[in-house]
């Protein structure tokens, strides 16, 4: 039965006043008007907004292309103006299309600022250009995180800043992007510290149940963390580099999965009740970290975090990353097929043994 028909019936029988019936009808009309459009319509709308913004970016680049060699300043100023305009307009508009336009315009401004400043830094032969750009990207992301209150924008700007942080690692340690064979201890230590920062963000945001406004930063940290092993040029994939590259990352991922153990327990007070679960899971994590390539271990950790928090982003993202890691592991690594298969079989055996031990010694006692 429709809302207006129901209210008319209640008014006719004297069970509802006329003014109350009008308020109910108006509320129902507003609720119907606010129903979201179908997902495919939203996808087309968002695609149109982004395509329009990309054409606008191309227009600006073409407009100032002739003066790039003399002055990069106009592009930087235009980028900042675009960011400011989109941030100002976002809080004063309504409608999915306009929201996507503001999002696309703001990210276009981010790209213009970073591209123009990067070209200017290179032209002036400044040292550590990637590090300077990482600082600029982090500043833009931090300022806009509080001013531009949109989850997707927070995710994209944070992701750009974190990915530029990986580039800064290469820049500061002198490691060449395509050089996977040469060991570089400063880069290795920097990578471990940068991974620890990402894991601290994940733990603070998803384990301690921080405010929902910080979740886009957590999602960006997870995606940036996934990109690190590939930025490391597959050096973490063993077994040919198992003795060189898997010790520190293995310990780091142990810390990550111990944090996930806290997630599964739910609260800090649960340590007194379930400390055996954490200890057993930690020991098997050490064993798994000593055998499995860290990218595969990272994929499993994301899946566990997604399952514990009922978060589809981590669940599906971890599954996709697991499949991609297996593909890269078999296709790219220069080792025998037997060696690759033995490592994966040993990793699976450790997982099944951990499950069996937890079932018999821990979970059955609850």
Protein backbone atom coordinates (compact mmCIF):
# COMPACT_ATOMS: atom_id res chain seq x y z
CA UNK A 1 0.00 0.00 0.00
CA UNK A 2 1.32 3.46 -0.90
CA UNK A 3 2.08 6.00 1.80
CA UNK A 4 -0.52 8.54 0.64
CA UNK A 5 -3.23 5.86 0.46
CA UNK A 6 -2.38 4.65 3.96
CA UNK A 7 -2.44 8.15 5.45
CA UNK A 8 -5.76 8.93 3.76
CA UNK A 9 -7.26 5.77 5.24
CA UNK A 10 -5.97 6.61 8.72
CA UNK A 11 -7.31 10.18 8.46
CA UNK A 12 -10.71 8.91 7.29
CA UNK A 13 -10.96 6.55 10.26
CA UNK A 14 -9.92 9.28 12.69
CA UNK A 15 -6.68 7.53 13.74
CA UNK A 16 -4.40 10.24 12.34
CA UNK A 17 -4.56 14.02 12.25
CA UNK A 18 -4.48 15.98 8.99
CA UNK A 19 -1.27 17.88 9.81
CA UNK A 20 0.52 14.71 10.86
CA UNK A 21 -0.56 13.01 7.64
CA UNK A 22 0.82 15.89 5.57
CA UNK A 23 4.17 15.73 7.37
CA UNK A 24 4.39 11.97 6.76
CA UNK A 25 3.60 12.43 3.06
CA UNK A 26 6.20 15.19 2.66
CA UNK A 27 8.84 13.08 4.44
CA UNK A 28 8.10 10.15 2.14
CA UNK A 29 8.42 12.38 -0.93
CA UNK A 30 11.81 13.69 0.27
CA UNK A 31 13.03 10.16 0.98
CA UNK A 32 12.02 9.03 -2.49
CA UNK A 33 13.75 12.02 -4.06
CA UNK A 34 16.96 11.18 -2.19
CA UNK A 35 17.12 7.55 -3.31
CA UNK A 36 20.44 6.88 -5.08
CA UNK A 37 20.53 6.35 -8.80
CA UNK A 38 21.42 2.90 -10.19
CA UNK A 39 25.12 2.05 -10.00
CA UNK A 40 25.56 2.00 -13.77
CA UNK A 41 24.07 5.49 -14.04
CA UNK A 42 26.42 6.72 -11.32
CA UNK A 43 29.37 5.09 -13.13
CA UNK A 44 28.47 6.82 -16.40
CA UNK A 45 27.99 10.13 -14.61
CA UNK A 46 31.33 9.86 -12.82
CA UNK A 47 33.04 8.82 -16.05
CA UNK A 48 31.62 11.82 -17.87
CA UNK A 49 32.80 14.18 -15.14
CA UNK A 50 36.33 12.75 -15.16
CA UNK A 51 36.57 12.74 -18.96
CA UNK A 52 35.48 16.38 -19.05
CA UNK A 53 38.12 17.24 -16.45
CA UNK A 54 40.83 15.39 -18.39
CA UNK A 55 39.97 17.34 -21.52
CA UNK A 56 40.14 20.50 -19.44
CA UNK A 57 43.60 19.45 -18.20
CA UNK A 58 44.70 18.86 -21.80
CA UNK A 59 43.42 22.30 -22.75
CA UNK A 60 45.41 23.95 -19.97
CA UNK A 61 48.55 22.01 -20.84
CA UNK A 62 48.23 22.96 -24.51
CA UNK A 63 47.54 26.58 -23.63
CA UNK A 64 50.76 26.98 -21.67
CA UNK A 65 52.94 24.44 -23.52
CA UNK A 66 54.73 27.14 -25.50
CA UNK A 67 55.87 28.95 -22.34
CA UNK A 68 56.99 25.92 -20.33
CA UNK A 69 60.66 26.42 -21.02
CA UNK A 70 60.55 30.01 -19.76
CA UNK A 71 58.07 29.90 -16.89
CA UNK A 72 56.25 27.10 -15.10
CA UNK A 73 54.57 29.44 -12.62
CA UNK A 74 51.21 29.85 -14.40
CA UNK A 75 50.51 26.10 -14.33
CA UNK A 76 51.29 25.94 -10.60
CA UNK A 77 49.03 28.90 -9.88
CA UNK A 78 46.23 27.43 -12.00
CA UNK A 79 46.57 24.12 -10.18
CA UNK A 80 46.25 25.82 -6.80
CA UNK A 81 43.27 27.83 -8.04
CA UNK A 82 41.57 24.64 -9.25
CA UNK A 83 42.13 22.97 -5.87
CA UNK A 84 40.81 25.99 -3.99
CA UNK A 85 37.79 26.40 -6.26
CA UNK A 86 36.83 22.73 -6.04
CA UNK A 87 37.27 22.73 -2.25
CA UNK A 88 35.11 25.84 -1.89
CA UNK A 89 32.40 24.55 -4.25
CA UNK A 90 32.24 21.03 -2.80
CA UNK A 91 30.54 22.13 0.41
CA UNK A 92 27.99 24.27 -1.45
CA UNK A 93 26.68 21.96 -4.16
CA UNK A 94 24.35 18.98 -4.33
CA UNK A 95 24.15 16.29 -6.95
CA UNK A 96 26.33 13.33 -7.85
CA UNK A 97 27.56 14.77 -11.15
CA UNK A 98 28.65 18.08 -9.62
CA UNK A 99 30.37 16.23 -6.76
CA UNK A 100 32.35 14.19 -9.29
CA UNK A 101 33.22 17.32 -11.25
CA UNK A 102 34.62 18.94 -8.09
CA UNK A 103 36.55 15.77 -7.28
CA UNK A 104 38.03 15.55 -10.78
CA UNK A 105 38.88 19.27 -10.89
CA UNK A 106 40.63 19.09 -7.53
CA UNK A 107 42.72 16.05 -8.52
CA UNK A 108 43.51 17.79 -11.82
CA UNK A 109 44.84 20.69 -9.76
CA UNK A 110 46.97 18.28 -7.72
CA UNK A 111 48.50 16.86 -10.91
CA UNK A 112 49.15 20.32 -12.36
CA UNK A 113 50.92 21.47 -9.21
CA UNK A 114 53.09 18.35 -8.95
CA UNK A 115 53.94 18.21 -12.68
CA UNK A 116 54.76 21.90 -12.95
CA UNK A 117 56.85 21.96 -9.77
CA UNK A 118 58.66 18.79 -10.83
CA UNK A 119 59.61 20.37 -14.16
CA UNK A 120 60.71 23.55 -12.42
CA UNK A 121 62.84 21.66 -9.88
CA UNK A 122 64.52 19.70 -12.67
CA UNK A 123 65.13 22.85 -14.71
CA UNK A 124 66.88 24.44 -11.74
CA UNK A 125 68.84 21.21 -11.11
CA UNK A 126 67.72 20.98 -7.51
CA UNK A 127 68.84 17.88 -5.58
CA UNK A 128 66.32 15.24 -4.49
CA UNK A 129 63.46 16.32 -6.73
CA UNK A 130 61.32 13.29 -5.84
CA UNK A 131 61.68 14.05 -2.14
CA UNK A 132 60.61 17.66 -2.66
CA UNK A 133 57.58 16.52 -4.65
CA UNK A 134 56.72 14.01 -1.91
CA UNK A 135 56.71 16.86 0.63
CA UNK A 136 54.49 18.96 -1.65
CA UNK A 137 52.07 16.06 -2.19
CA UNK A 138 51.95 15.36 1.56
CA UNK A 139 51.24 19.03 2.30
CA UNK A 140 48.42 19.19 -0.25
CA UNK A 141 46.92 15.94 1.06
CA UNK A 142 47.12 17.06 4.70
CA UNK A 143 45.51 20.44 4.06
CA UNK A 144 42.78 19.08 1.78
CA UNK A 145 42.05 16.19 4.15
CA UNK A 146 40.44 18.63 6.55
CA UNK A 147 39.09 21.15 4.03
CA UNK A 148 37.76 18.84 1.29
CA UNK A 149 35.43 16.51 3.18
CA UNK A 150 34.94 13.76 0.64
CA UNK A 151 36.02 10.16 1.23
CA UNK A 152 37.11 9.50 -2.35
CA UNK A 153 39.14 12.70 -2.51
CA UNK A 154 40.81 11.92 0.81
CA UNK A 155 41.70 8.46 -0.49
CA UNK A 156 43.15 9.69 -3.79
CA UNK A 157 45.15 12.59 -2.35
CA UNK A 158 46.54 10.38 0.45
CA UNK A 159 47.45 7.66 -2.04
CA UNK A 160 49.32 10.14 -4.25
CA UNK A 161 51.29 11.40 -1.24
CA UNK A 162 52.17 7.90 -0.01
CA UNK A 163 53.26 6.72 -3.47
CA UNK A 164 55.47 9.78 -3.83
CA UNK A 165 56.98 8.70 -0.53
CA UNK A 166 58.19 5.49 -2.20
CA UNK A 167 59.80 7.60 -4.93
CA UNK A 168 61.46 9.69 -2.22
CA UNK A 169 63.03 6.52 -0.78
CA UNK A 170 64.70 5.80 -4.10
CA UNK A 171 65.76 9.43 -4.37
CA UNK A 172 67.30 9.65 -0.90
CA UNK A 173 69.13 6.31 -0.98
CA UNK A 174 70.44 6.51 -4.54
CA UNK A 175 68.84 3.26 -5.62
CA UNK A 176 68.04 3.10 -9.33
CA UNK A 177 64.39 2.35 -10.19
CA UNK A 178 65.25 -0.58 -12.44
CA UNK A 179 68.14 -2.03 -10.46
CA UNK A 180 66.90 -5.07 -8.57
CA UNK A 181 70.23 -6.89 -8.33
CA UNK A 182 72.34 -4.39 -6.40
CA UNK A 183 71.87 -4.47 -2.66
CA UNK A 184 71.45 -1.11 -0.98
CA UNK A 185 71.28 -1.29 2.84
CA UNK A 186 70.12 2.35 3.31
CA UNK A 187 67.23 1.73 0.93
CA UNK A 188 66.36 -1.55 2.67
CA UNK A 189 66.23 0.15 6.07
CA UNK A 190 64.24 3.05 4.68
CA UNK A 191 61.76 0.69 3.06
CA UNK A 192 61.26 -1.19 6.32
CA UNK A 193 60.66 2.04 8.23
CA UNK A 194 58.23 3.26 5.57
CA UNK A 195 56.37 -0.05 5.72
CA UNK A 196 56.23 0.28 9.51
CA UNK A 197 54.59 3.70 9.08
CA UNK A 198 51.92 2.16 6.85
CA UNK A 199 51.30 -0.67 9.29
CA UNK A 200 51.02 1.82 12.15
CA UNK A 201 48.37 3.70 10.16
CA UNK A 202 46.45 0.48 9.51
CA UNK A 203 46.63 -0.51 13.15
CA UNK A 204 45.61 2.92 14.44
CA UNK A 205 42.70 3.26 12.02
CA UNK A 206 41.25 -0.25 11.76
CA UNK A 207 42.41 -2.03 14.92
CA UNK A 208 41.70 0.74 17.40
CA UNK A 209 38.46 1.71 15.61
CA UNK A 210 39.43 5.31 14.91
CA UNK A 211 36.82 7.74 13.58
CA UNK A 212 35.39 6.79 10.20
CA UNK A 213 36.77 10.00 8.66
CA UNK A 214 40.27 8.46 8.79
CA UNK A 215 39.38 5.32 6.89
CA UNK A 216 40.26 6.75 3.44
CA UNK A 217 43.80 7.28 4.75
CA UNK A 218 43.84 3.66 5.92
CA UNK A 219 42.70 2.37 2.53
CA UNK A 220 45.36 4.48 0.82
CA UNK A 221 48.00 3.10 3.20
CA UNK A 222 46.93 -0.47 2.37
CA UNK A 223 47.14 0.15 -1.37
CA UNK A 224 50.51 1.87 -1.03
CA UNK A 225 51.75 -1.01 1.11
CA UNK A 226 50.73 -3.43 -1.63
CA UNK A 227 52.72 -1.39 -4.17
CA UNK A 228 55.94 -1.53 -2.18
CA UNK A 229 57.10 -5.07 -3.05
CA UNK A 230 56.73 -4.23 -6.73
CA UNK A 231 58.51 -0.91 -6.28
CA UNK A 232 61.25 -3.05 -4.76
CA UNK A 233 61.48 -4.71 -8.19
CA UNK A 234 60.47 -8.18 -7.01
CA UNK A 235 63.50 -8.41 -4.70
CA UNK A 236 61.22 -9.73 -1.94
CA UNK A 237 59.98 -12.65 -3.96
CA UNK A 238 62.74 -15.23 -3.11
CA UNK A 239 63.91 -17.97 -3.17
CA UNK A 240 66.97 -16.63 -5.01
CA UNK A 241 66.97 -13.64 -2.64
CA UNK A 242 65.54 -15.37 0.41
CA UNK A 243 68.76 -15.04 2.44
CA UNK A 244 69.21 -11.39 1.50
CA UNK A 245 65.77 -9.83 1.47
CA UNK A 246 63.29 -11.81 3.52
CA UNK A 247 64.55 -11.41 7.11
CA UNK A 248 63.56 -7.83 7.94
CA UNK A 249 60.40 -7.79 5.82
CA UNK A 250 59.43 -11.12 7.38
CA UNK A 251 59.72 -9.66 10.87
CA UNK A 252 57.79 -6.61 9.76
CA UNK A 253 54.94 -8.67 8.39
CA UNK A 254 55.00 -10.65 11.63
CA UNK A 255 54.23 -7.38 13.42
CA UNK A 256 51.47 -6.72 10.91
CA UNK A 257 49.79 -10.06 11.50
CA UNK A 258 50.13 -9.71 15.25
CA UNK A 259 48.23 -6.44 14.87
CA UNK A 260 45.66 -8.38 12.89
CA UNK A 261 45.51 -10.79 15.81
CA UNK A 262 44.49 -7.86 17.97
CA UNK A 263 41.85 -7.06 15.39
CA UNK A 264 40.43 -10.56 15.58
CA UNK A 265 40.35 -10.40 19.36
CA UNK A 266 38.46 -7.14 19.13
CA UNK A 267 39.57 -5.38 22.31
CA UNK A 268 42.74 -4.95 24.31
CA UNK A 269 41.09 -6.53 27.35
CA UNK A 270 40.76 -9.77 25.40
CA UNK A 271 44.54 -10.33 25.79
CA UNK A 272 43.97 -11.73 29.28
CA UNK A 273 41.46 -14.23 27.89
CA UNK A 274 42.96 -15.07 24.49
CA UNK A 275 46.70 -14.50 24.82
CA UNK A 276 47.31 -18.11 23.76
CA UNK A 277 45.66 -17.41 20.43
CA UNK A 278 47.99 -14.50 19.77
CA UNK A 279 51.08 -16.47 20.83
CA UNK A 280 50.24 -19.49 18.67
CA UNK A 281 49.32 -17.32 15.70
CA UNK A 282 52.53 -15.32 16.15
CA UNK A 283 54.73 -18.43 16.17
CA UNK A 284 53.17 -19.76 13.00
CA UNK A 285 53.48 -16.31 11.44
CA UNK A 286 57.23 -16.48 12.09
CA UNK A 287 57.35 -19.87 10.37
CA UNK A 288 55.28 -18.63 7.44
CA UNK A 289 57.38 -15.47 7.11
CA UNK A 290 60.54 -17.58 6.90
CA UNK A 291 59.12 -19.65 4.01
CA UNK A 292 56.61 -17.65 2.02
CA UNK A 293 57.52 -14.62 -0.12
CA UNK A 294 56.47 -11.48 1.81
CA UNK A 295 54.08 -10.27 -0.94
CA UNK A 296 52.04 -13.45 -0.54
CA UNK A 297 52.11 -13.03 3.22
CA UNK A 298 50.94 -9.44 2.81
CA UNK A 299 48.03 -10.58 0.64
CA UNK A 300 46.98 -13.09 3.29
CA UNK A 301 47.21 -10.38 5.95
CA UNK A 302 44.89 -8.08 3.98
CA UNK A 303 42.39 -10.91 3.52
CA UNK A 304 42.44 -11.65 7.26
CA UNK A 305 41.97 -7.97 8.10
CA UNK A 306 39.06 -7.74 5.68
CA UNK A 307 37.45 -10.85 7.14
CA UNK A 308 37.93 -9.63 10.70
CA UNK A 309 36.45 -6.22 9.98
CA UNK A 310 33.90 -7.39 7.40
CA UNK A 311 35.47 -4.95 4.97
CA UNK A 312 35.07 -5.86 1.30
CA UNK A 313 37.82 -3.49 0.18
CA UNK A 314 40.42 -5.53 2.05
CA UNK A 315 38.83 -8.90 1.31
CA UNK A 316 38.55 -8.48 -2.46
CA UNK A 317 41.69 -6.38 -2.70
CA UNK A 318 43.67 -9.04 -0.84
CA UNK A 319 42.31 -11.78 -3.09
CA UNK A 320 43.20 -9.83 -6.24
CA UNK A 321 46.66 -9.08 -4.90
CA UNK A 322 47.13 -12.74 -3.96
CA UNK A 323 46.30 -13.85 -7.50
CA UNK A 324 48.55 -11.21 -9.02
CA UNK A 325 51.39 -12.11 -6.65
CA UNK A 326 51.14 -15.77 -7.61
CA UNK A 327 51.19 -14.84 -11.30
CA UNK A 328 54.25 -12.64 -10.89
CA UNK A 329 55.89 -15.23 -8.65
CA UNK A 330 55.61 -17.96 -11.28
CA UNK A 331 56.10 -15.82 -14.37
CA UNK A 332 58.83 -13.36 -13.39
CA UNK A 333 61.06 -15.19 -10.93
CA UNK A 334 64.10 -16.84 -12.53
CA UNK A 335 63.99 -20.08 -10.57
CA UNK A 336 63.01 -23.63 -11.34
CA UNK A 337 59.36 -24.55 -11.33
CA UNK A 338 60.05 -27.22 -8.72
CA UNK A 339 61.57 -24.66 -6.32
CA UNK A 340 58.61 -22.31 -6.70
CA UNK A 341 56.11 -25.11 -6.15
CA UNK A 342 57.94 -26.43 -3.08
CA UNK A 343 57.91 -23.00 -1.45
CA UNK A 344 54.18 -22.55 -2.06
CA UNK A 345 53.41 -26.09 -0.85
CA UNK A 346 55.43 -25.49 2.32
CA UNK A 347 53.55 -22.22 2.90
CA UNK A 348 50.23 -24.00 2.52
CA UNK A 349 51.35 -26.74 4.90
CA UNK A 350 52.22 -24.15 7.55
CA UNK A 351 48.79 -22.54 7.17
CA UNK A 352 46.93 -25.86 7.50
CA UNK A 353 49.07 -26.87 10.49
CA UNK A 354 48.36 -23.53 12.17
CA UNK A 355 44.63 -24.01 11.63
CA UNK A 356 44.74 -27.53 13.07
CA UNK A 357 46.71 -26.47 16.15
CA UNK A 358 44.43 -23.51 16.84
CA UNK A 359 41.36 -25.71 16.56
CA UNK A 360 42.67 -28.37 18.93
CA UNK A 361 44.56 -26.38 21.54
CA UNK A 362 42.89 -22.99 21.68
CA UNK A 363 39.44 -22.67 20.16
CA UNK A 364 38.10 -25.90 21.67
CA UNK A 365 38.78 -24.59 25.19
CA UNK A 366 36.44 -21.64 24.85
